[in-house]
Amino acid sequence: MNVAMDQVERLQREFDIERVDGFGLDPPLMGADLARASIKLTPAHSTAASIIIAFTSFPAVIIRSGLLLDLTFPECGCDACGAIAESEVQRLTEVIEDVVSGRFRESIRIPLWVDAEETWELWSPTHRTGGGVRIARSRARALVGRSRRTYWSPWPLR
């Protein structure tokens, strides 16, 4: 949790953003067992993706960004997986850095007869990661504005 709070403080110093703390900032997080209020960081430019950081009682941190990106740190909490704190700190830092640097894109595909699919990708010179989820066609149509692909812009500096 301290690492996430350190990141929030750094982002506030470096970028032109608005910070809002509270419960209920994001409907998908309403069912999570939150340990404290979530933090939403919204860049001054609407073409840049906001970040919501939620703190669960697991203990875990959930990062939500863009249309549907939803990542949990640690990725798994079971003893068998044995997530190493240092690698999770690095992963969390990379995700945040990729989003604020504009190295984040999402796309939504809405086939004719089956559920839609949202995919995302984050990258830098040293790594590339991505994933996707199936979503209801109605939700996908609601998320799709003029484009089915979103290339998020870098956050504006202070």
N, C-alpha and C. Protein backbone atom coordinates (compact mmCIF):
# COMPACT_ATOMS: atom_id res chain seq x y z
N MET A 1 0.82 -1.18 0.00
CA MET A 1 0.00 0.00 0.00
C MET A 1 0.87 1.25 0.00
N ASN A 2 1.99 1.21 0.72
CA ASN A 2 2.89 2.36 0.77
C ASN A 2 3.45 2.70 -0.60
N VAL A 3 3.76 1.67 -1.39
CA VAL A 3 4.30 1.89 -2.73
C VAL A 3 3.27 2.62 -3.59
N ALA A 4 2.02 2.21 -3.52
CA ALA A 4 0.97 2.86 -4.29
C ALA A 4 0.80 4.31 -3.85
N MET A 5 0.84 4.56 -2.55
CA MET A 5 0.70 5.94 -2.06
C MET A 5 1.90 6.79 -2.48
N ASP A 6 3.10 6.21 -2.48
CA ASP A 6 4.28 6.93 -2.98
C ASP A 6 4.10 7.31 -4.44
N GLN A 7 3.53 6.40 -5.22
CA GLN A 7 3.28 6.69 -6.64
C GLN A 7 2.26 7.83 -6.79
N VAL A 8 1.21 7.81 -5.99
CA VAL A 8 0.20 8.87 -6.04
C VAL A 8 0.85 10.22 -5.76
N GLU A 9 1.66 10.29 -4.72
CA GLU A 9 2.32 11.55 -4.37
C GLU A 9 3.25 12.02 -5.48
N ARG A 10 4.00 11.08 -6.09
CA ARG A 10 4.89 11.43 -7.21
C ARG A 10 4.08 11.97 -8.38
N LEU A 11 2.99 11.31 -8.72
CA LEU A 11 2.17 11.73 -9.86
C LEU A 11 1.58 13.11 -9.62
N GLN A 12 1.18 13.40 -8.39
CA GLN A 12 0.65 14.73 -8.08
C GLN A 12 1.70 15.82 -8.22
N ARG A 13 2.94 15.50 -7.89
CA ARG A 13 4.03 16.49 -8.02
C ARG A 13 4.38 16.74 -9.48
N GLU A 14 4.35 15.71 -10.31
CA GLU A 14 4.88 15.80 -11.67
C GLU A 14 3.85 16.14 -12.74
N PHE A 15 2.58 15.83 -12.53
CA PHE A 15 1.60 15.94 -13.60
C PHE A 15 0.44 16.86 -13.24
N ASP A 16 -0.18 17.42 -14.28
CA ASP A 16 -1.34 18.28 -14.12
C ASP A 16 -2.58 17.38 -14.03
N ILE A 17 -2.94 17.04 -12.80
CA ILE A 17 -4.02 16.09 -12.56
C ILE A 17 -4.92 16.58 -11.42
N GLU A 18 -6.10 16.01 -11.39
CA GLU A 18 -7.03 16.25 -10.29
C GLU A 18 -7.14 14.96 -9.49
N ARG A 19 -7.07 15.07 -8.17
CA ARG A 19 -7.18 13.91 -7.29
C ARG A 19 -8.51 13.96 -6.55
N VAL A 20 -9.20 12.81 -6.55
CA VAL A 20 -10.44 12.66 -5.79
C VAL A 20 -10.31 11.38 -4.98
N ASP A 21 -10.57 11.47 -3.68
CA ASP A 21 -10.57 10.31 -2.79
C ASP A 21 -12.01 10.00 -2.40
N GLY A 22 -12.35 8.72 -2.36
CA GLY A 22 -13.68 8.37 -1.91
C GLY A 22 -14.07 6.94 -2.21
N PHE A 23 -15.19 6.55 -1.68
CA PHE A 23 -15.79 5.26 -1.98
C PHE A 23 -16.80 5.48 -3.10
N GLY A 24 -17.01 4.48 -3.92
CA GLY A 24 -17.99 4.59 -5.00
C GLY A 24 -17.50 5.38 -6.19
N LEU A 25 -16.20 5.54 -6.35
CA LEU A 25 -15.66 6.29 -7.50
C LEU A 25 -15.80 5.52 -8.81
N ASP A 26 -15.94 4.21 -8.72
CA ASP A 26 -15.98 3.37 -9.91
C ASP A 26 -16.93 2.20 -9.64
N PRO A 27 -18.03 2.10 -10.38
CA PRO A 27 -19.02 1.05 -10.10
C PRO A 27 -18.45 -0.38 -10.03
N PRO A 28 -17.52 -0.79 -10.91
CA PRO A 28 -17.01 -2.16 -10.78
C PRO A 28 -16.29 -2.43 -9.45
N LEU A 29 -15.83 -1.39 -8.78
CA LEU A 29 -15.15 -1.58 -7.50
C LEU A 29 -16.11 -1.63 -6.32
N MET A 30 -17.38 -1.41 -6.57
CA MET A 30 -18.37 -1.36 -5.49
C MET A 30 -18.43 -2.68 -4.72
N GLY A 31 -18.18 -3.80 -5.38
CA GLY A 31 -18.24 -5.10 -4.71
C GLY A 31 -16.96 -5.50 -4.01
N ALA A 32 -15.90 -4.74 -4.21
CA ALA A 32 -14.61 -5.08 -3.61
C ALA A 32 -14.62 -4.74 -2.11
N ASP A 33 -13.88 -5.52 -1.34
CA ASP A 33 -13.77 -5.29 0.10
C ASP A 33 -12.68 -4.25 0.32
N LEU A 34 -13.06 -2.98 0.19
CA LEU A 34 -12.09 -1.89 0.26
C LEU A 34 -11.65 -1.62 1.70
N ALA A 35 -10.34 -1.47 1.87
CA ALA A 35 -9.77 -1.19 3.18
C ALA A 35 -9.76 0.30 3.50
N ARG A 36 -9.83 1.12 2.47
CA ARG A 36 -9.84 2.57 2.62
C ARG A 36 -10.41 3.18 1.35
N ALA A 37 -10.58 4.47 1.33
CA ALA A 37 -11.12 5.15 0.16
C ALA A 37 -10.19 4.97 -1.04
N SER A 38 -10.79 4.84 -2.21
CA SER A 38 -10.01 4.76 -3.44
C SER A 38 -9.54 6.16 -3.83
N ILE A 39 -8.56 6.19 -4.74
CA ILE A 39 -8.02 7.46 -5.22
C ILE A 39 -8.16 7.47 -6.74
N LYS A 40 -8.78 8.52 -7.26
CA LYS A 40 -8.90 8.68 -8.71
C LYS A 40 -8.06 9.87 -9.13
N LEU A 41 -7.16 9.62 -10.08
CA LEU A 41 -6.29 10.66 -10.64
C LEU A 41 -6.72 10.90 -12.08
N THR A 42 -7.19 12.11 -12.35
CA THR A 42 -7.69 12.45 -13.68
C THR A 42 -6.79 13.51 -14.29
N PRO A 43 -6.16 13.18 -15.43
CA PRO A 43 -5.30 14.16 -16.10
C PRO A 43 -6.10 15.34 -16.66
N ALA A 44 -5.44 16.48 -16.82
CA ALA A 44 -6.09 17.68 -17.35
C ALA A 44 -6.55 17.49 -18.79
N HIS A 45 -5.90 16.63 -19.55
CA HIS A 45 -6.30 16.37 -20.93
C HIS A 45 -7.24 15.18 -20.98
N SER A 46 -8.38 15.34 -21.65
CA SER A 46 -9.37 14.26 -21.70
C SER A 46 -8.93 13.08 -22.56
N THR A 47 -7.88 13.26 -23.36
CA THR A 47 -7.39 12.15 -24.19
C THR A 47 -6.39 11.27 -23.45
N ALA A 48 -6.10 11.61 -22.21
CA ALA A 48 -5.21 10.81 -21.37
C ALA A 48 -6.07 9.99 -20.40
N ALA A 49 -5.66 8.76 -20.15
CA ALA A 49 -6.43 7.84 -19.31
C ALA A 49 -6.29 8.18 -17.83
N SER A 50 -7.40 8.19 -17.13
CA SER A 50 -7.34 8.36 -15.68
C SER A 50 -6.91 7.05 -15.04
N ILE A 51 -6.51 7.14 -13.78
CA ILE A 51 -6.13 5.96 -13.01
C ILE A 51 -6.91 5.99 -11.70
N ILE A 52 -7.50 4.86 -11.36
CA ILE A 52 -8.13 4.69 -10.05
C ILE A 52 -7.32 3.65 -9.31
N ILE A 53 -6.94 3.98 -8.08
CA ILE A 53 -6.19 3.06 -7.23
C ILE A 53 -7.09 2.71 -6.06
N ALA A 54 -7.39 1.42 -5.94
CA ALA A 54 -8.23 0.93 -4.85
C ALA A 54 -7.39 0.05 -3.94
N PHE A 55 -7.67 0.14 -2.66
CA PHE A 55 -6.93 -0.61 -1.65
C PHE A 55 -7.89 -1.60 -1.01
N THR A 56 -7.65 -2.89 -1.21
CA THR A 56 -8.54 -3.90 -0.65
C THR A 56 -7.95 -4.46 0.64
N SER A 57 -8.77 -5.16 1.39
CA SER A 57 -8.33 -5.71 2.67
C SER A 57 -7.56 -7.00 2.51
N PHE A 58 -7.33 -7.43 1.30
CA PHE A 58 -6.70 -8.74 1.04
C PHE A 58 -5.34 -8.93 1.70
N PRO A 59 -4.32 -8.17 1.71
CA PRO A 59 -4.13 -6.82 1.19
C PRO A 59 -3.71 -6.84 -0.29
N ALA A 60 -4.30 -5.96 -1.01
CA ALA A 60 -3.99 -5.84 -2.43
C ALA A 60 -4.29 -4.43 -2.89
N VAL A 61 -3.75 -4.12 -4.05
CA VAL A 61 -4.02 -2.85 -4.71
C VAL A 61 -4.61 -3.19 -6.07
N ILE A 62 -5.68 -2.50 -6.43
CA ILE A 62 -6.29 -2.67 -7.75
C ILE A 62 -6.06 -1.37 -8.51
N ILE A 63 -5.56 -1.50 -9.71
CA ILE A 63 -5.38 -0.36 -10.61
C ILE A 63 -6.40 -0.48 -11.73
N ARG A 64 -7.22 0.57 -11.91
CA ARG A 64 -8.16 0.62 -13.02
C ARG A 64 -7.80 1.83 -13.86
N SER A 65 -7.83 1.64 -15.18
CA SER A 65 -7.48 2.74 -16.06
C SER A 65 -8.18 2.57 -17.40
N GLY A 66 -8.31 3.68 -18.11
CA GLY A 66 -8.92 3.62 -19.44
C GLY A 66 -10.36 3.16 -19.37
N LEU A 67 -10.77 2.42 -20.41
CA LEU A 67 -12.14 1.93 -20.46
C LEU A 67 -12.37 0.75 -19.53
N LEU A 68 -11.47 -0.24 -19.57
CA LEU A 68 -11.71 -1.47 -18.83
C LEU A 68 -10.49 -2.11 -18.21
N LEU A 69 -9.33 -1.48 -18.28
CA LEU A 69 -8.13 -2.10 -17.69
C LEU A 69 -8.31 -2.23 -16.19
N ASP A 70 -8.09 -3.43 -15.68
CA ASP A 70 -8.30 -3.74 -14.27
C ASP A 70 -7.23 -4.74 -13.86
N LEU A 71 -6.22 -4.29 -13.09
CA LEU A 71 -5.12 -5.15 -12.69
C LEU A 71 -5.00 -5.17 -11.17
N THR A 72 -4.68 -6.34 -10.63
CA THR A 72 -4.54 -6.52 -9.19
C THR A 72 -3.08 -6.79 -8.83
N PHE A 73 -2.65 -6.21 -7.72
CA PHE A 73 -1.29 -6.38 -7.22
C PHE A 73 -1.36 -6.81 -5.77
N PRO A 74 -0.88 -7.97 -5.36
CA PRO A 74 -0.27 -8.98 -6.22
C PRO A 74 -1.30 -9.63 -7.13
N GLU A 75 -0.79 -10.17 -8.22
CA GLU A 75 -1.66 -10.80 -9.21
C GLU A 75 -2.42 -11.97 -8.60
N CYS A 76 -1.75 -12.70 -7.75
CA CYS A 76 -2.36 -13.84 -7.06
C CYS A 76 -1.84 -13.83 -5.63
N GLY A 77 -2.67 -14.17 -4.68
CA GLY A 77 -2.25 -14.12 -3.30
C GLY A 77 -2.03 -15.48 -2.65
N CYS A 78 -2.12 -16.53 -3.45
CA CYS A 78 -1.96 -17.85 -2.84
C CYS A 78 -0.48 -18.13 -2.56
N ASP A 79 -0.23 -19.00 -1.59
CA ASP A 79 1.14 -19.35 -1.23
C ASP A 79 1.85 -20.09 -2.34
N ALA A 80 1.12 -20.86 -3.13
CA ALA A 80 1.73 -21.64 -4.21
C ALA A 80 2.35 -20.73 -5.27
N CYS A 81 1.70 -19.61 -5.57
CA CYS A 81 2.23 -18.69 -6.58
C CYS A 81 3.43 -17.93 -6.05
N GLY A 82 3.39 -17.60 -4.78
CA GLY A 82 4.53 -16.95 -4.15
C GLY A 82 4.97 -15.68 -4.84
N ALA A 83 4.01 -14.77 -5.12
CA ALA A 83 4.37 -13.51 -5.75
C ALA A 83 5.42 -12.80 -4.91
N ILE A 84 6.49 -12.41 -5.54
CA ILE A 84 7.60 -11.75 -4.86
C ILE A 84 7.31 -10.25 -4.82
N ALA A 85 7.43 -9.67 -3.65
CA ALA A 85 7.09 -8.26 -3.46
C ALA A 85 7.83 -7.35 -4.44
N GLU A 86 9.13 -7.60 -4.65
CA GLU A 86 9.90 -6.73 -5.54
C GLU A 86 9.38 -6.78 -6.97
N SER A 87 9.00 -7.95 -7.44
CA SER A 87 8.51 -8.04 -8.82
C SER A 87 7.13 -7.40 -8.95
N GLU A 88 6.31 -7.48 -7.91
CA GLU A 88 4.99 -6.84 -7.95
C GLU A 88 5.12 -5.32 -7.88
N VAL A 89 6.08 -4.82 -7.10
CA VAL A 89 6.35 -3.38 -7.05
C VAL A 89 6.79 -2.91 -8.44
N GLN A 90 7.67 -3.67 -9.08
CA GLN A 90 8.13 -3.30 -10.42
C GLN A 90 6.97 -3.32 -11.41
N ARG A 91 6.13 -4.33 -11.34
CA ARG A 91 4.99 -4.43 -12.26
C ARG A 91 4.03 -3.26 -12.06
N LEU A 92 3.72 -2.92 -10.81
CA LEU A 92 2.84 -1.80 -10.51
C LEU A 92 3.43 -0.50 -11.05
N THR A 93 4.71 -0.29 -10.82
CA THR A 93 5.39 0.91 -11.29
C THR A 93 5.37 0.99 -12.81
N GLU A 94 5.62 -0.14 -13.49
CA GLU A 94 5.61 -0.16 -14.96
C GLU A 94 4.23 0.16 -15.51
N VAL A 95 3.19 -0.40 -14.91
CA VAL A 95 1.83 -0.13 -15.39
C VAL A 95 1.52 1.36 -15.27
N ILE A 96 1.78 1.93 -14.11
CA ILE A 96 1.51 3.36 -13.92
C ILE A 96 2.33 4.19 -14.88
N GLU A 97 3.61 3.87 -15.05
CA GLU A 97 4.47 4.64 -15.94
C GLU A 97 4.01 4.54 -17.40
N ASP A 98 3.58 3.36 -17.81
CA ASP A 98 3.09 3.19 -19.18
C ASP A 98 1.83 4.02 -19.42
N VAL A 99 0.90 4.02 -18.47
CA VAL A 99 -0.34 4.80 -18.63
C VAL A 99 -0.02 6.29 -18.70
N VAL A 100 0.78 6.81 -17.77
CA VAL A 100 1.04 8.26 -17.75
C VAL A 100 1.92 8.70 -18.92
N SER A 101 2.67 7.77 -19.50
CA SER A 101 3.52 8.10 -20.66
C SER A 101 2.81 7.94 -21.99
N GLY A 102 1.54 7.51 -21.97
CA GLY A 102 0.79 7.34 -23.20
C GLY A 102 1.14 6.07 -23.95
N ARG A 103 1.71 5.10 -23.24
CA ARG A 103 2.03 3.81 -23.86
C ARG A 103 0.95 2.80 -23.47
N PHE A 104 -0.27 3.15 -23.81
CA PHE A 104 -1.44 2.38 -23.40
C PHE A 104 -2.50 2.52 -24.50
N ARG A 105 -2.98 1.39 -24.98
CA ARG A 105 -4.06 1.43 -25.96
C ARG A 105 -5.04 0.31 -25.68
N GLU A 106 -6.28 0.56 -26.08
CA GLU A 106 -7.35 -0.41 -25.90
C GLU A 106 -8.14 -0.49 -27.20
N SER A 107 -8.77 -1.62 -27.41
CA SER A 107 -9.67 -1.75 -28.55
C SER A 107 -10.85 -2.63 -28.16
N ILE A 108 -11.96 -2.38 -28.82
CA ILE A 108 -13.17 -3.16 -28.59
C ILE A 108 -13.62 -3.74 -29.92
N ARG A 109 -13.85 -5.04 -29.92
CA ARG A 109 -14.35 -5.74 -31.11
C ARG A 109 -15.75 -6.24 -30.79
N ILE A 110 -16.70 -5.90 -31.64
CA ILE A 110 -18.08 -6.30 -31.42
C ILE A 110 -18.51 -7.19 -32.60
N PRO A 111 -18.38 -8.51 -32.44
CA PRO A 111 -18.81 -9.42 -33.50
C PRO A 111 -20.34 -9.38 -33.65
N LEU A 112 -20.80 -9.95 -34.71
CA LEU A 112 -22.23 -9.89 -35.02
C LEU A 112 -23.09 -10.65 -34.02
N TRP A 113 -22.66 -11.84 -33.59
CA TRP A 113 -23.55 -12.70 -32.80
C TRP A 113 -23.08 -13.04 -31.39
N VAL A 114 -21.86 -12.84 -31.05
CA VAL A 114 -21.36 -13.26 -29.74
C VAL A 114 -20.94 -12.05 -28.91
N ASP A 115 -20.54 -12.31 -27.66
CA ASP A 115 -20.08 -11.22 -26.79
C ASP A 115 -18.94 -10.45 -27.43
N ALA A 116 -18.83 -9.20 -27.03
CA ALA A 116 -17.74 -8.35 -27.51
C ALA A 116 -16.46 -8.68 -26.74
N GLU A 117 -15.35 -8.18 -27.26
CA GLU A 117 -14.06 -8.39 -26.61
C GLU A 117 -13.32 -7.07 -26.52
N GLU A 118 -12.82 -6.78 -25.32
CA GLU A 118 -11.99 -5.61 -25.10
C GLU A 118 -10.57 -6.10 -24.89
N THR A 119 -9.63 -5.52 -25.61
CA THR A 119 -8.22 -5.88 -25.42
C THR A 119 -7.44 -4.62 -25.07
N TRP A 120 -6.34 -4.83 -24.36
CA TRP A 120 -5.49 -3.71 -23.96
C TRP A 120 -4.03 -4.10 -24.13
N GLU A 121 -3.20 -3.07 -24.23
CA GLU A 121 -1.76 -3.29 -24.35
C GLU A 121 -1.01 -2.14 -23.70
N LEU A 122 0.02 -2.48 -22.94
CA LEU A 122 0.95 -1.53 -22.34
C LEU A 122 2.34 -1.90 -22.82
N TRP A 123 3.21 -0.91 -23.03
CA TRP A 123 4.54 -1.24 -23.51
C TRP A 123 5.55 -0.15 -23.14
N SER A 124 6.81 -0.54 -23.21
CA SER A 124 7.93 0.39 -23.06
C SER A 124 9.09 -0.24 -23.82
N PRO A 125 10.25 0.40 -23.85
CA PRO A 125 11.40 -0.22 -24.53
C PRO A 125 11.83 -1.54 -23.90
N THR A 126 11.46 -1.79 -22.63
CA THR A 126 11.94 -2.99 -21.94
C THR A 126 10.87 -4.07 -21.75
N HIS A 127 9.62 -3.78 -22.00
CA HIS A 127 8.57 -4.79 -21.79
C HIS A 127 7.33 -4.49 -22.63
N ARG A 128 6.52 -5.49 -22.78
CA ARG A 128 5.22 -5.37 -23.45
C ARG A 128 4.28 -6.36 -22.77
N THR A 129 3.08 -5.90 -22.43
CA THR A 129 2.10 -6.77 -21.80
C THR A 129 0.72 -6.40 -22.31
N GLY A 130 -0.19 -7.33 -22.24
CA GLY A 130 -1.54 -7.07 -22.70
C GLY A 130 -2.49 -8.14 -22.24
N GLY A 131 -3.73 -7.95 -22.57
CA GLY A 131 -4.74 -8.92 -22.19
C GLY A 131 -6.07 -8.52 -22.77
N GLY A 132 -7.08 -9.22 -22.35
CA GLY A 132 -8.41 -8.92 -22.85
C GLY A 132 -9.47 -9.60 -22.03
N VAL A 133 -10.68 -9.12 -22.18
CA VAL A 133 -11.84 -9.69 -21.49
C VAL A 133 -13.04 -9.67 -22.43
N ARG A 134 -13.94 -10.61 -22.22
CA ARG A 134 -15.21 -10.60 -22.93
C ARG A 134 -16.17 -9.70 -22.15
N ILE A 135 -16.94 -8.91 -22.88
CA ILE A 135 -17.92 -8.04 -22.25
C ILE A 135 -19.23 -8.14 -23.04
N ALA A 136 -20.31 -7.79 -22.39
CA ALA A 136 -21.61 -7.82 -23.05
C ALA A 136 -21.62 -6.85 -24.22
N ARG A 137 -22.32 -7.23 -25.26
CA ARG A 137 -22.40 -6.39 -26.46
C ARG A 137 -22.96 -5.00 -26.12
N SER A 138 -23.96 -4.96 -25.26
CA SER A 138 -24.57 -3.67 -24.90
C SER A 138 -23.56 -2.77 -24.18
N ARG A 139 -22.76 -3.35 -23.30
CA ARG A 139 -21.72 -2.58 -22.59
C ARG A 139 -20.67 -2.08 -23.59
N ALA A 140 -20.28 -2.95 -24.53
CA ALA A 140 -19.29 -2.55 -25.55
C ALA A 140 -19.82 -1.41 -26.39
N ARG A 141 -21.07 -1.49 -26.81
CA ARG A 141 -21.64 -0.41 -27.63
C ARG A 141 -21.67 0.90 -26.84
N ALA A 142 -21.95 0.82 -25.54
CA ALA A 142 -21.97 2.02 -24.71
C ALA A 142 -20.57 2.63 -24.57
N LEU A 143 -19.54 1.79 -24.55
CA LEU A 143 -18.16 2.28 -24.41
C LEU A 143 -17.60 2.84 -25.70
N VAL A 144 -18.09 2.36 -26.82
CA VAL A 144 -17.55 2.77 -28.12
C VAL A 144 -18.15 4.11 -28.51
N GLY A 145 -17.29 5.10 -28.64
CA GLY A 145 -17.72 6.40 -29.11
C GLY A 145 -17.53 6.46 -30.61
N ARG A 146 -16.68 7.32 -31.03
CA ARG A 146 -16.39 7.45 -32.46
C ARG A 146 -15.44 6.37 -32.96
N SER A 147 -14.67 5.83 -32.06
CA SER A 147 -13.65 4.86 -32.47
C SER A 147 -13.71 3.62 -31.61
N ARG A 148 -13.37 2.50 -32.20
CA ARG A 148 -13.29 1.25 -31.46
C ARG A 148 -11.88 1.02 -30.94
N ARG A 149 -10.96 1.92 -31.26
CA ARG A 149 -9.60 1.86 -30.74
C ARG A 149 -9.29 3.16 -30.03
N THR A 150 -8.69 3.01 -28.87
CA THR A 150 -8.32 4.18 -28.10
C THR A 150 -6.82 4.13 -27.83
N TYR A 151 -6.13 5.14 -28.31
CA TYR A 151 -4.71 5.31 -28.02
C TYR A 151 -4.62 6.46 -27.02
N TRP A 152 -4.38 6.11 -25.77
CA TRP A 152 -4.37 7.11 -24.72
C TRP A 152 -3.13 7.98 -24.82
N SER A 153 -3.32 9.27 -24.59
CA SER A 153 -2.24 10.27 -24.66
C SER A 153 -1.44 10.29 -23.36
N PRO A 154 -0.21 10.83 -23.44
CA PRO A 154 0.57 11.04 -22.20
C PRO A 154 -0.11 12.06 -21.30
N TRP A 155 0.13 11.95 -20.02
CA TRP A 155 -0.38 12.92 -19.07
C TRP A 155 0.39 14.23 -19.22
N PRO A 156 -0.29 15.37 -19.10
CA PRO A 156 0.40 16.66 -19.18
C PRO A 156 1.21 16.92 -17.91
N LEU A 157 2.42 17.43 -18.10
CA LEU A 157 3.28 17.77 -16.97
C LEU A 157 2.79 19.05 -16.30
N ARG A 158 3.18 19.24 -15.06
CA ARG A 158 2.84 20.49 -14.34
C ARG A 158 3.59 21.64 -14.95
